[in-house]
Every structure is written in structure tokens, then in C-alpha cells.
């Protein structure tokens, strides 16, 4: 490859490296600690059923069947969602990654099933400041599918 041809490829290579970096790495504060999911950062790219402020708060999911059945139903919904994959599945806890279509940004979504018949949820972008409401919309979409899913 000539120097000129290589120089012409540099913008493309830089763009590819930038896009590959949009995935980021999972934060080290994911999971349940002391009966809580991680708090949302001050930025508007996170929602949580355990948040106390209106900007970040979403309602938890509720269920009337067994915890195992509710978790299996939720896992099925996640796995049937576009660009989503379950990365952690333990009794009472699910973590999934949702990847945006174009820039490949990754959001971490967690579901915790405490002893009472509800599911706490947290959905947060790994990178950036604003998510334009994507995390809130995702949680509400999962909620609507979860509420009509067969038992």
C-alpha cells in the first residue's frame, strides 16, 4: 500500500476505532450490594426503580406468579429483544446488554428480584451524558411486554 493510499484510509480507520470504542467496558458497580442496585449518576442517561428523584425514577415491575417463573418470563422477553443479550443470569438477578443499532453504544440493564413480588430495574448508558430517553423507553417497553406475557 502506498503512503497516499494509506493516508486516504486514515479517516476510515479512525472512524472504525471510534465506533468500536462506543461499547465501553461494564462499570464495576453493577450487581446488588446491600439490597440495592447501583445508584444512577447525576447525568440523565440512567433510570432506576430505586431512585428517589423524578428524573431517574421508574416503577418496579410486579408479579403474582413464582419468582422463578417471573424471572424466566423476563429473560425470554430480553432474549427476544433486538440487539440484546443476557450476560448474567443468577437466581433473583439478571443483567443484560442492549446495543444501539448505528453507533453500537451499550446500555447495561439489571433486574433484581428481592423477596417481595417485585422486580427492581436499572438501565444505564455506559458512555455519554444524555440518552434522549432511550433507557426510560426501554424499561417501559419491557414493562408492557412483561405485563401481557403469558404466565
N, C-alpha and C. Protein backbone atom coordinates (compact mmCIF):
# COMPACT_ATOMS: atom_id res chain seq x y z
N UNK A 1 0.85 -1.16 0.00
CA UNK A 1 0.00 0.00 0.00
C UNK A 1 0.91 1.24 0.00
N UNK A 2 0.58 2.18 -0.84
CA UNK A 2 1.38 3.41 -0.92
C UNK A 2 1.04 4.32 0.25
N UNK A 3 1.93 5.29 0.48
CA UNK A 3 1.70 6.26 1.56
C UNK A 3 0.40 7.03 1.31
N UNK A 4 0.19 7.37 0.05
CA UNK A 4 -1.01 8.15 -0.29
C UNK A 4 -2.28 7.33 -0.03
N UNK A 5 -2.26 6.06 -0.42
CA UNK A 5 -3.43 5.19 -0.20
C UNK A 5 -3.66 5.00 1.30
N UNK A 6 -2.57 4.82 2.04
CA UNK A 6 -2.68 4.65 3.50
C UNK A 6 -3.26 5.91 4.13
N UNK A 7 -2.78 7.08 3.70
CA UNK A 7 -3.28 8.35 4.24
C UNK A 7 -4.77 8.51 3.95
N UNK A 8 -5.20 8.01 2.81
CA UNK A 8 -6.62 8.08 2.45
C UNK A 8 -7.47 7.18 3.34
N UNK A 9 -6.89 6.14 3.88
CA UNK A 9 -7.62 5.20 4.74
C UNK A 9 -7.66 5.66 6.20
N UNK A 10 -6.83 6.60 6.59
CA UNK A 10 -6.77 7.03 7.98
C UNK A 10 -8.10 7.51 8.54
N UNK A 11 -8.85 8.35 7.80
CA UNK A 11 -10.15 8.75 8.36
C UNK A 11 -11.09 7.56 8.59
N UNK A 12 -11.07 6.61 7.68
CA UNK A 12 -11.90 5.42 7.84
C UNK A 12 -11.46 4.61 9.05
N UNK A 13 -10.16 4.42 9.20
CA UNK A 13 -9.64 3.67 10.34
C UNK A 13 -9.96 4.38 11.65
N UNK A 14 -9.81 5.70 11.68
CA UNK A 14 -10.12 6.47 12.89
C UNK A 14 -11.59 6.33 13.24
N UNK A 15 -12.47 6.38 12.24
CA UNK A 15 -13.90 6.23 12.47
C UNK A 15 -14.21 4.85 13.02
N UNK A 16 -13.61 3.83 12.43
CA UNK A 16 -13.85 2.46 12.91
C UNK A 16 -13.38 2.28 14.35
N UNK A 17 -12.23 2.84 14.67
CA UNK A 17 -11.74 2.75 16.05
C UNK A 17 -12.66 3.48 17.01
N UNK A 18 -13.16 4.65 16.59
CA UNK A 18 -14.09 5.40 17.42
C UNK A 18 -15.36 4.60 17.66
N UNK A 19 -15.90 4.03 16.60
CA UNK A 19 -17.14 3.26 16.73
C UNK A 19 -16.93 2.01 17.57
N UNK A 20 -15.80 1.37 17.43
CA UNK A 20 -15.52 0.17 18.22
C UNK A 20 -15.43 0.53 19.70
N UNK A 21 -15.00 1.74 20.01
CA UNK A 21 -14.87 2.17 21.39
C UNK A 21 -16.19 2.56 22.04
N UNK A 22 -17.28 2.62 21.28
CA UNK A 22 -18.56 3.04 21.84
C UNK A 22 -19.14 2.02 22.80
N UNK A 23 -18.65 0.80 22.73
CA UNK A 23 -19.18 -0.23 23.63
C UNK A 23 -18.74 0.04 25.07
N UNK A 24 -17.54 0.57 25.25
CA UNK A 24 -17.05 0.81 26.60
C UNK A 24 -16.89 -0.51 27.34
N UNK A 25 -16.58 -0.41 28.60
CA UNK A 25 -16.47 -1.60 29.44
C UNK A 25 -17.53 -1.51 30.53
N UNK A 26 -18.01 -2.64 30.98
CA UNK A 26 -19.03 -2.61 32.03
C UNK A 26 -18.49 -1.94 33.29
N UNK A 27 -19.29 -1.10 33.92
CA UNK A 27 -18.84 -0.48 35.17
C UNK A 27 -18.64 -1.54 36.26
N UNK A 28 -17.82 -1.24 37.21
CA UNK A 28 -17.54 -2.21 38.27
C UNK A 28 -18.54 -2.14 39.42
N UNK A 29 -19.57 -1.29 39.30
CA UNK A 29 -20.54 -1.17 40.39
C UNK A 29 -21.86 -1.89 40.09
N UNK A 30 -21.88 -2.75 39.07
CA UNK A 30 -23.11 -3.45 38.74
C UNK A 30 -23.36 -4.58 39.73
N UNK A 31 -24.62 -4.97 39.86
CA UNK A 31 -24.99 -6.03 40.78
C UNK A 31 -25.73 -5.45 41.98
N UNK A 32 -26.10 -6.34 42.88
CA UNK A 32 -26.83 -5.95 44.08
C UNK A 32 -25.86 -5.89 45.24
N UNK A 33 -25.83 -4.75 45.89
CA UNK A 33 -24.97 -4.57 47.06
C UNK A 33 -25.81 -3.98 48.19
N UNK A 34 -25.82 -4.65 49.30
CA UNK A 34 -26.60 -4.20 50.47
C UNK A 34 -28.06 -3.96 50.11
N UNK A 35 -28.62 -4.85 49.30
CA UNK A 35 -30.03 -4.77 48.95
C UNK A 35 -30.38 -3.65 47.98
N UNK A 36 -29.40 -3.20 47.22
CA UNK A 36 -29.66 -2.10 46.27
C UNK A 36 -28.86 -2.31 44.99
N UNK A 37 -29.46 -1.87 43.89
CA UNK A 37 -28.72 -1.73 42.64
C UNK A 37 -27.93 -0.43 42.74
N UNK A 38 -26.94 -0.26 41.89
CA UNK A 38 -26.12 0.96 41.92
C UNK A 38 -27.00 2.18 41.71
N UNK A 39 -26.69 3.26 42.40
CA UNK A 39 -27.45 4.49 42.16
C UNK A 39 -27.13 5.06 40.78
N UNK A 40 -28.07 5.79 40.23
CA UNK A 40 -27.83 6.46 38.96
C UNK A 40 -26.86 7.62 39.16
N UNK A 41 -26.03 7.88 38.15
CA UNK A 41 -25.18 9.08 38.23
C UNK A 41 -26.05 10.33 38.04
N UNK A 42 -25.50 11.51 38.23
CA UNK A 42 -26.29 12.73 38.04
C UNK A 42 -26.76 12.95 36.60
N UNK A 43 -26.09 12.34 35.63
CA UNK A 43 -26.45 12.53 34.22
C UNK A 43 -27.82 11.90 33.93
N UNK A 44 -28.51 12.38 32.89
CA UNK A 44 -29.86 11.90 32.60
C UNK A 44 -29.91 10.61 31.76
N UNK A 45 -28.83 9.83 31.74
CA UNK A 45 -28.81 8.63 30.90
C UNK A 45 -28.98 7.34 31.71
N UNK A 46 -29.77 7.41 32.77
CA UNK A 46 -29.98 6.27 33.65
C UNK A 46 -31.36 6.37 34.28
N UNK A 47 -32.01 5.23 34.45
CA UNK A 47 -33.26 5.15 35.22
C UNK A 47 -33.16 3.97 36.17
N UNK A 48 -33.85 4.09 37.30
CA UNK A 48 -33.82 3.03 38.29
C UNK A 48 -35.10 3.05 39.13
N UNK A 49 -35.58 1.87 39.47
CA UNK A 49 -36.75 1.79 40.33
C UNK A 49 -36.39 2.10 41.78
N UNK A 50 -35.13 2.21 42.10
CA UNK A 50 -34.71 2.56 43.45
C UNK A 50 -34.27 4.01 43.57
N UNK A 51 -34.34 4.76 42.47
CA UNK A 51 -34.01 6.19 42.51
C UNK A 51 -35.12 6.93 43.25
N UNK A 52 -34.76 8.03 43.88
CA UNK A 52 -35.74 8.81 44.63
C UNK A 52 -36.15 10.08 43.90
N UNK A 53 -35.39 10.49 42.88
CA UNK A 53 -35.73 11.71 42.15
C UNK A 53 -36.52 11.38 40.89
N UNK A 54 -37.41 12.28 40.49
CA UNK A 54 -38.29 12.05 39.34
C UNK A 54 -37.53 11.87 38.03
N UNK A 55 -36.38 12.50 37.90
CA UNK A 55 -35.61 12.39 36.66
C UNK A 55 -35.07 11.01 36.38
N UNK A 56 -34.84 10.23 37.42
CA UNK A 56 -34.26 8.89 37.27
C UNK A 56 -35.22 7.77 37.64
N UNK A 57 -36.28 8.07 38.34
CA UNK A 57 -37.17 7.04 38.89
C UNK A 57 -38.08 6.43 37.84
N UNK A 58 -38.18 5.10 37.89
CA UNK A 58 -39.19 4.32 37.16
C UNK A 58 -39.80 3.36 38.17
N UNK A 59 -40.99 2.92 37.90
CA UNK A 59 -41.65 1.97 38.81
C UNK A 59 -41.03 0.58 38.65
N UNK A 60 -40.97 -0.19 39.72
CA UNK A 60 -40.52 -1.58 39.58
C UNK A 60 -41.57 -2.39 38.85
N UNK A 61 -41.17 -3.54 38.34
CA UNK A 61 -42.12 -4.49 37.76
C UNK A 61 -42.73 -5.29 38.91
N UNK A 62 -43.92 -5.80 38.71
CA UNK A 62 -44.58 -6.62 39.74
C UNK A 62 -44.99 -7.95 39.13
N UNK A 63 -45.08 -8.96 39.98
CA UNK A 63 -45.53 -10.27 39.50
C UNK A 63 -46.37 -10.95 40.57
N UNK A 64 -47.18 -11.90 40.12
CA UNK A 64 -48.03 -12.65 41.05
C UNK A 64 -47.71 -14.14 41.03
N UNK A 65 -46.93 -14.57 40.06
CA UNK A 65 -46.53 -15.98 40.00
C UNK A 65 -45.26 -16.18 40.82
N UNK A 66 -44.59 -17.28 40.67
CA UNK A 66 -43.37 -17.51 41.44
C UNK A 66 -42.23 -16.64 40.91
N UNK A 67 -41.25 -16.42 41.76
CA UNK A 67 -40.09 -15.63 41.35
C UNK A 67 -39.38 -16.28 40.17
N UNK A 68 -39.23 -17.61 40.22
CA UNK A 68 -38.55 -18.31 39.13
C UNK A 68 -39.30 -18.16 37.81
N UNK A 69 -40.63 -18.25 37.87
CA UNK A 69 -41.43 -18.09 36.65
C UNK A 69 -41.33 -16.67 36.13
N UNK A 70 -41.41 -15.71 37.04
CA UNK A 70 -41.31 -14.30 36.64
C UNK A 70 -39.94 -14.02 36.01
N UNK A 71 -38.89 -14.56 36.59
CA UNK A 71 -37.55 -14.34 36.05
C UNK A 71 -37.39 -15.01 34.69
N UNK A 72 -37.92 -16.21 34.53
CA UNK A 72 -37.84 -16.89 33.23
C UNK A 72 -38.60 -16.11 32.16
N UNK A 73 -39.76 -15.59 32.52
CA UNK A 73 -40.55 -14.80 31.58
C UNK A 73 -39.80 -13.53 31.17
N UNK A 74 -39.19 -12.87 32.13
CA UNK A 74 -38.43 -11.65 31.84
C UNK A 74 -37.21 -11.97 30.97
N UNK A 75 -36.53 -13.05 31.26
CA UNK A 75 -35.37 -13.44 30.45
C UNK A 75 -35.79 -13.70 29.00
N UNK A 76 -36.90 -14.35 28.82
CA UNK A 76 -37.40 -14.62 27.46
C UNK A 76 -37.67 -13.31 26.71
N UNK A 77 -38.24 -12.34 27.39
CA UNK A 77 -38.52 -11.04 26.77
C UNK A 77 -37.22 -10.36 26.36
N UNK A 78 -36.23 -10.38 27.23
CA UNK A 78 -34.94 -9.76 26.92
C UNK A 78 -34.30 -10.46 25.73
N UNK A 79 -34.27 -11.78 25.76
CA UNK A 79 -33.61 -12.52 24.69
C UNK A 79 -34.31 -12.36 23.34
N UNK A 80 -35.56 -12.00 23.35
CA UNK A 80 -36.27 -11.78 22.08
C UNK A 80 -36.20 -10.32 21.63
N UNK A 81 -35.54 -9.48 22.40
CA UNK A 81 -35.39 -8.07 22.05
C UNK A 81 -34.24 -7.89 21.08
N UNK A 82 -34.37 -6.95 20.14
CA UNK A 82 -33.29 -6.72 19.19
C UNK A 82 -32.02 -6.21 19.88
N UNK A 83 -30.89 -6.72 19.45
CA UNK A 83 -29.57 -6.29 19.91
C UNK A 83 -29.42 -6.37 21.42
N UNK A 84 -30.02 -7.38 22.03
CA UNK A 84 -29.93 -7.58 23.48
C UNK A 84 -29.37 -8.95 23.76
N UNK A 85 -28.63 -9.03 24.84
CA UNK A 85 -28.14 -10.35 25.26
C UNK A 85 -28.03 -10.37 26.78
N UNK A 86 -28.44 -11.47 27.35
CA UNK A 86 -28.31 -11.67 28.79
C UNK A 86 -26.87 -12.07 29.06
N UNK A 87 -26.20 -11.34 29.94
CA UNK A 87 -24.80 -11.64 30.25
C UNK A 87 -24.63 -12.25 31.63
N UNK A 88 -25.61 -12.05 32.51
CA UNK A 88 -25.58 -12.67 33.84
C UNK A 88 -26.99 -13.13 34.19
N UNK A 89 -27.10 -14.39 34.55
CA UNK A 89 -28.39 -14.93 34.99
C UNK A 89 -28.14 -15.77 36.22
N UNK A 90 -28.57 -15.25 37.36
CA UNK A 90 -28.44 -15.95 38.63
C UNK A 90 -29.81 -15.96 39.28
N UNK A 91 -30.06 -16.87 40.20
CA UNK A 91 -31.36 -16.83 40.88
C UNK A 91 -31.61 -15.45 41.49
N UNK A 92 -32.66 -14.79 41.04
CA UNK A 92 -33.02 -13.48 41.56
C UNK A 92 -32.33 -12.30 40.92
N UNK A 93 -31.52 -12.51 39.88
CA UNK A 93 -30.80 -11.39 39.26
C UNK A 93 -30.53 -11.67 37.79
N UNK A 94 -30.81 -10.68 36.95
CA UNK A 94 -30.46 -10.74 35.53
C UNK A 94 -29.73 -9.45 35.16
N UNK A 95 -28.72 -9.58 34.31
CA UNK A 95 -28.09 -8.40 33.72
C UNK A 95 -28.01 -8.62 32.22
N UNK A 96 -28.39 -7.59 31.49
CA UNK A 96 -28.37 -7.68 30.02
C UNK A 96 -27.63 -6.48 29.45
N UNK A 97 -27.16 -6.64 28.24
CA UNK A 97 -26.57 -5.55 27.49
C UNK A 97 -27.43 -5.31 26.25
N UNK A 98 -27.79 -4.05 26.04
CA UNK A 98 -28.54 -3.64 24.86
C UNK A 98 -27.62 -2.75 24.05
N UNK A 99 -27.47 -3.03 22.76
CA UNK A 99 -26.55 -2.30 21.89
C UNK A 99 -27.34 -1.50 20.87
N UNK A 100 -27.00 -0.21 20.73
CA UNK A 100 -27.71 0.62 19.76
C UNK A 100 -27.35 0.18 18.34
N UNK A 101 -28.26 0.43 17.44
CA UNK A 101 -28.12 -0.06 16.07
C UNK A 101 -26.96 0.58 15.33
N UNK A 102 -26.84 1.87 15.38
CA UNK A 102 -25.88 2.55 14.49
C UNK A 102 -24.52 2.72 15.13
N UNK A 103 -24.43 3.39 16.24
CA UNK A 103 -23.13 3.68 16.84
C UNK A 103 -22.65 2.60 17.80
N UNK A 104 -23.49 1.59 18.03
CA UNK A 104 -23.11 0.43 18.87
C UNK A 104 -22.84 0.82 20.33
N UNK A 105 -23.54 1.85 20.83
CA UNK A 105 -23.45 2.19 22.24
C UNK A 105 -24.09 1.06 23.06
N UNK A 106 -23.54 0.77 24.22
CA UNK A 106 -24.05 -0.31 25.06
C UNK A 106 -24.67 0.27 26.33
N UNK A 107 -25.85 -0.22 26.65
CA UNK A 107 -26.52 0.11 27.90
C UNK A 107 -26.58 -1.15 28.76
N UNK A 108 -26.32 -1.00 30.04
CA UNK A 108 -26.41 -2.12 30.98
C UNK A 108 -27.77 -2.05 31.66
N UNK A 109 -28.49 -3.17 31.63
CA UNK A 109 -29.82 -3.22 32.22
C UNK A 109 -29.83 -4.36 33.24
N UNK A 110 -30.23 -4.03 34.46
CA UNK A 110 -30.24 -5.01 35.54
C UNK A 110 -31.64 -5.20 36.08
N UNK A 111 -31.93 -6.42 36.51
CA UNK A 111 -33.21 -6.77 37.12
C UNK A 111 -32.92 -7.56 38.39
N UNK A 112 -33.43 -7.09 39.51
CA UNK A 112 -33.22 -7.76 40.78
C UNK A 112 -34.57 -8.14 41.37
N UNK A 113 -34.69 -9.37 41.76
CA UNK A 113 -35.92 -9.94 42.33
C UNK A 113 -35.72 -10.13 43.83
N UNK A 114 -36.04 -9.13 44.65
CA UNK A 114 -35.93 -9.32 46.10
C UNK A 114 -37.01 -10.28 46.59
N UNK A 115 -37.12 -10.47 47.85
CA UNK A 115 -38.09 -11.43 48.40
C UNK A 115 -39.54 -11.07 48.11
N UNK A 116 -39.88 -9.78 48.11
CA UNK A 116 -41.26 -9.38 47.81
C UNK A 116 -41.52 -9.54 46.31
N UNK A 117 -42.79 -9.63 45.90
CA UNK A 117 -43.10 -9.93 44.49
C UNK A 117 -42.97 -8.70 43.58
N UNK A 118 -41.76 -8.18 43.50
CA UNK A 118 -41.49 -7.10 42.55
C UNK A 118 -40.09 -7.27 41.99
N UNK A 119 -39.84 -6.54 40.93
CA UNK A 119 -38.54 -6.61 40.26
C UNK A 119 -37.99 -5.19 40.18
N UNK A 120 -36.88 -4.96 40.84
CA UNK A 120 -36.22 -3.67 40.71
C UNK A 120 -35.43 -3.68 39.41
N UNK A 121 -35.41 -2.54 38.75
CA UNK A 121 -34.75 -2.43 37.46
C UNK A 121 -33.87 -1.19 37.42
N UNK A 122 -32.75 -1.32 36.72
CA UNK A 122 -31.85 -0.19 36.49
C UNK A 122 -31.35 -0.31 35.06
N UNK A 123 -31.44 0.76 34.30
CA UNK A 123 -30.97 0.79 32.92
C UNK A 123 -30.12 2.03 32.75
N UNK A 124 -28.84 1.85 32.36
CA UNK A 124 -27.92 2.97 32.28
C UNK A 124 -26.99 2.85 31.07
N UNK A 125 -26.74 3.98 30.45
CA UNK A 125 -25.78 4.05 29.35
C UNK A 125 -24.37 4.00 29.91
N UNK A 126 -23.49 3.31 29.21
CA UNK A 126 -22.10 3.26 29.65
C UNK A 126 -21.36 4.54 29.34
N UNK A 127 -21.69 5.15 28.22
CA UNK A 127 -20.97 6.34 27.76
C UNK A 127 -21.93 7.48 27.50
N UNK A 128 -21.41 8.68 27.51
CA UNK A 128 -22.20 9.85 27.15
C UNK A 128 -22.93 10.46 28.33
N UNK A 129 -23.61 11.55 28.04
CA UNK A 129 -24.33 12.28 29.07
C UNK A 129 -25.83 12.04 28.95
N UNK A 130 -26.37 12.29 27.78
CA UNK A 130 -27.81 12.11 27.57
C UNK A 130 -28.05 10.88 26.70
N UNK A 131 -29.16 10.24 26.93
CA UNK A 131 -29.54 9.10 26.10
C UNK A 131 -30.83 9.38 25.33
N UNK A 132 -31.31 10.62 25.39
CA UNK A 132 -32.52 11.04 24.69
C UNK A 132 -33.73 10.20 25.10
N UNK A 133 -33.73 9.73 26.35
CA UNK A 133 -34.86 8.97 26.87
C UNK A 133 -34.89 7.50 26.51
N UNK A 134 -33.82 6.99 25.93
CA UNK A 134 -33.79 5.59 25.46
C UNK A 134 -33.93 4.61 26.62
N UNK A 135 -33.23 4.83 27.73
CA UNK A 135 -33.30 3.88 28.84
C UNK A 135 -34.70 3.83 29.44
N UNK A 136 -35.33 4.98 29.62
CA UNK A 136 -36.70 5.01 30.16
C UNK A 136 -37.66 4.31 29.19
N UNK A 137 -37.54 4.60 27.91
CA UNK A 137 -38.41 3.97 26.91
C UNK A 137 -38.20 2.45 26.89
N UNK A 138 -36.96 2.01 27.03
CA UNK A 138 -36.68 0.57 27.04
C UNK A 138 -37.36 -0.11 28.22
N UNK A 139 -37.22 0.48 29.41
CA UNK A 139 -37.84 -0.11 30.59
C UNK A 139 -39.36 -0.17 30.42
N UNK A 140 -39.95 0.87 29.88
CA UNK A 140 -41.41 0.88 29.69
C UNK A 140 -41.84 -0.12 28.61
N UNK A 141 -41.02 -0.30 27.60
CA UNK A 141 -41.31 -1.32 26.57
C UNK A 141 -41.24 -2.72 27.19
N UNK A 142 -40.22 -2.98 27.99
CA UNK A 142 -40.11 -4.27 28.67
C UNK A 142 -41.30 -4.47 29.59
N UNK A 143 -41.68 -3.41 30.32
CA UNK A 143 -42.83 -3.49 31.21
C UNK A 143 -44.10 -3.87 30.44
N UNK A 144 -44.33 -3.23 29.31
CA UNK A 144 -45.56 -3.51 28.55
C UNK A 144 -45.55 -4.95 28.02
N UNK A 145 -44.41 -5.43 27.59
CA UNK A 145 -44.32 -6.82 27.13
C UNK A 145 -44.45 -7.80 28.30
N UNK A 146 -43.88 -7.45 29.43
CA UNK A 146 -43.91 -8.30 30.62
C UNK A 146 -45.34 -8.45 31.15
N UNK A 147 -46.08 -7.35 31.13
CA UNK A 147 -47.45 -7.38 31.67
C UNK A 147 -48.39 -8.19 30.82
N UNK A 148 -48.12 -8.34 29.53
CA UNK A 148 -49.02 -9.13 28.66
C UNK A 148 -48.44 -10.51 28.35
N UNK A 149 -47.23 -10.81 28.84
CA UNK A 149 -46.63 -12.12 28.60
C UNK A 149 -47.44 -13.22 29.26
N UNK A 150 -47.59 -14.37 28.61
CA UNK A 150 -48.33 -15.47 29.23
C UNK A 150 -47.62 -15.99 30.46
N UNK A 151 -48.41 -16.42 31.42
CA UNK A 151 -47.84 -16.99 32.64
C UNK A 151 -47.43 -18.41 32.43
